[in-house]
Amino acid sequence: MEGDAAGGFVRLAVLPDAAAAHLCAALLRSAGIEARLRGEALGPYRLTVGDMAVTEVWVPAADLDDARDLIEETAAPEPGPPVTPGGTAGRARGRRWWPVVAFAVLGLLAWRLAERLF
């Protein structure tokens, strides 16, 4: 943990990209904890590759424990079972629509046949 003597801020986290850091900062700010971001990815050239994409989240030293607790309690949940595109829910939905499509095609064919006959 590094400190910023001038402002009393300490580094809370080092995140792999600026988007993750902005989400973390927004979470902290919504709880009333001031958050500052530092990193090359925040500059005018938006370097987002490798170590240049790393962004640091800094908080006041007095709020460090509260910030850590907040981050830990809102950590991402454990991943569930993988969702496959061909799951049973997708098949059931597809089966529900095929009679409508088949009826529409048959109606169109009957209409075209009736035009030719009459």
Protein backbone atom coordinates (compact mmCIF):
# COMPACT_ATOMS: atom_id res chain seq x y z
CA MET A 1 0.00 0.00 0.00
CA GLU A 2 1.44 3.28 -1.10
CA GLY A 3 0.41 6.61 0.35
CA ASP A 4 0.01 10.09 -1.06
CA ALA A 5 1.41 12.35 1.65
CA ALA A 6 0.09 15.54 0.08
CA GLY A 7 -3.58 14.55 0.09
CA GLY A 8 -3.76 11.72 2.61
CA PHE A 9 -4.84 9.22 -0.04
CA VAL A 10 -3.77 5.57 -0.19
CA ARG A 11 -3.99 3.08 -3.02
CA LEU A 12 -6.95 0.74 -2.59
CA ALA A 13 -6.73 -1.34 -5.76
CA VAL A 14 -4.88 -1.82 -9.02
CA LEU A 15 -7.30 -2.85 -11.77
CA PRO A 16 -6.51 -4.16 -15.26
CA ASP A 17 -8.47 -1.52 -17.18
CA ALA A 18 -10.02 1.91 -16.80
CA ALA A 19 -13.60 0.64 -17.12
CA ALA A 20 -13.22 -1.62 -14.08
CA ALA A 21 -11.63 1.25 -12.15
CA HIS A 22 -14.49 3.60 -13.03
CA LEU A 23 -17.01 1.02 -11.80
CA CYS A 24 -15.09 0.61 -8.55
CA ALA A 25 -14.90 4.38 -8.08
CA ALA A 26 -18.62 4.75 -8.77
CA LEU A 27 -19.39 2.11 -6.15
CA LEU A 28 -17.21 3.88 -3.59
CA ARG A 29 -18.67 7.29 -4.38
CA SER A 30 -22.23 5.94 -4.06
CA ALA A 31 -21.30 4.98 -0.49
CA GLY A 32 -19.95 8.45 0.23
CA ILE A 33 -16.26 7.52 -0.08
CA GLU A 34 -14.16 9.84 -2.23
CA ALA A 35 -12.24 7.96 -4.91
CA ARG A 36 -9.51 9.08 -7.29
CA LEU A 37 -8.20 7.23 -10.31
CA ARG A 38 -4.64 7.20 -11.65
CA GLY A 39 -3.31 5.53 -14.74
CA GLU A 40 -2.04 5.94 -18.28
CA ALA A 41 -5.39 4.78 -19.67
CA LEU A 42 -7.01 7.94 -18.28
CA GLY A 43 -4.75 10.31 -20.22
CA PRO A 44 -5.31 11.87 -23.61
CA TYR A 45 -3.90 8.89 -25.53
CA ARG A 46 -5.95 6.14 -23.82
CA LEU A 47 -3.30 3.45 -23.75
CA THR A 48 -5.17 0.23 -23.08
CA VAL A 49 -2.65 -2.54 -23.69
CA GLY A 50 -0.73 -4.50 -21.08
CA ASP A 51 0.70 -2.64 -18.10
CA MET A 52 -0.20 0.69 -19.68
CA ALA A 53 -3.91 -0.13 -19.18
CA VAL A 54 -3.57 -0.59 -15.42
CA THR A 55 -5.57 1.93 -13.40
CA GLU A 56 -5.19 2.55 -9.67
CA VAL A 57 -8.04 3.44 -7.32
CA TRP A 58 -7.07 5.73 -4.43
CA VAL A 59 -9.16 6.60 -1.36
CA PRO A 60 -8.58 8.77 1.72
CA ALA A 61 -6.51 6.93 4.33
CA ALA A 62 -9.30 7.44 6.89
CA ASP A 63 -11.78 5.59 4.62
CA LEU A 64 -9.51 2.71 3.62
CA ASP A 65 -11.10 0.09 5.90
CA ASP A 66 -14.65 1.08 4.89
CA ALA A 67 -13.66 1.02 1.22
CA ARG A 68 -12.13 -2.47 1.55
CA ASP A 69 -15.24 -3.75 3.34
CA LEU A 70 -17.48 -2.30 0.64
CA ILE A 71 -15.45 -3.86 -2.17
CA GLU A 72 -15.37 -7.25 -0.44
CA GLU A 73 -19.12 -7.36 0.23
CA THR A 74 -19.97 -6.38 -3.34
CA ALA A 75 -17.49 -8.69 -5.01
CA ALA A 76 -18.68 -10.61 -8.05
CA PRO A 77 -20.75 -13.69 -7.22
CA GLU A 78 -19.48 -17.15 -7.94
CA PRO A 79 -20.12 -18.05 -11.56
CA GLY A 80 -23.06 -20.37 -12.15
CA PRO A 81 -23.35 -23.12 -14.73
CA PRO A 82 -22.48 -22.05 -18.26
CA VAL A 83 -25.34 -20.98 -20.49
CA THR A 84 -25.32 -22.64 -23.89
CA PRO A 85 -27.06 -21.08 -26.88
CA GLY A 86 -28.79 -24.37 -27.71
CA GLY A 87 -30.28 -24.88 -24.25
CA THR A 88 -33.77 -26.25 -23.67
CA ALA A 89 -35.29 -22.80 -23.19
CA GLY A 90 -34.18 -21.77 -26.69
CA ARG A 91 -35.57 -24.95 -28.23
CA ALA A 92 -38.91 -24.56 -26.48
CA ARG A 93 -39.20 -20.99 -27.73
CA GLY A 94 -38.35 -22.10 -31.29
CA ARG A 95 -40.90 -24.90 -31.16
CA ARG A 96 -43.57 -22.45 -30.14
CA TRP A 97 -43.12 -20.35 -33.31
CA TRP A 98 -42.81 -23.00 -36.01
CA PRO A 99 -46.60 -23.67 -36.28
CA VAL A 100 -47.20 -19.95 -36.82
CA VAL A 101 -44.54 -19.79 -39.54
CA ALA A 102 -45.79 -22.99 -41.18
CA PHE A 103 -49.39 -21.70 -41.15
CA ALA A 104 -48.29 -18.39 -42.70
CA VAL A 105 -46.37 -20.15 -45.47
CA LEU A 106 -49.32 -22.46 -46.20
CA GLY A 107 -51.68 -19.48 -46.29
CA LEU A 108 -49.41 -17.66 -48.71
CA LEU A 109 -49.21 -20.71 -50.97
CA ALA A 110 -53.01 -21.15 -50.89
CA TRP A 111 -53.51 -17.49 -51.74
CA ARG A 112 -51.11 -17.68 -54.72
CA LEU A 113 -52.80 -20.88 -55.94
CA ALA A 114 -56.23 -19.26 -55.65
CA GLU A 115 -55.01 -16.26 -57.70
CA ARG A 116 -53.94 -18.55 -60.54
CA LEU A 117 -57.11 -20.61 -60.50
CA PHE A 118 -59.65 -17.79 -60.36
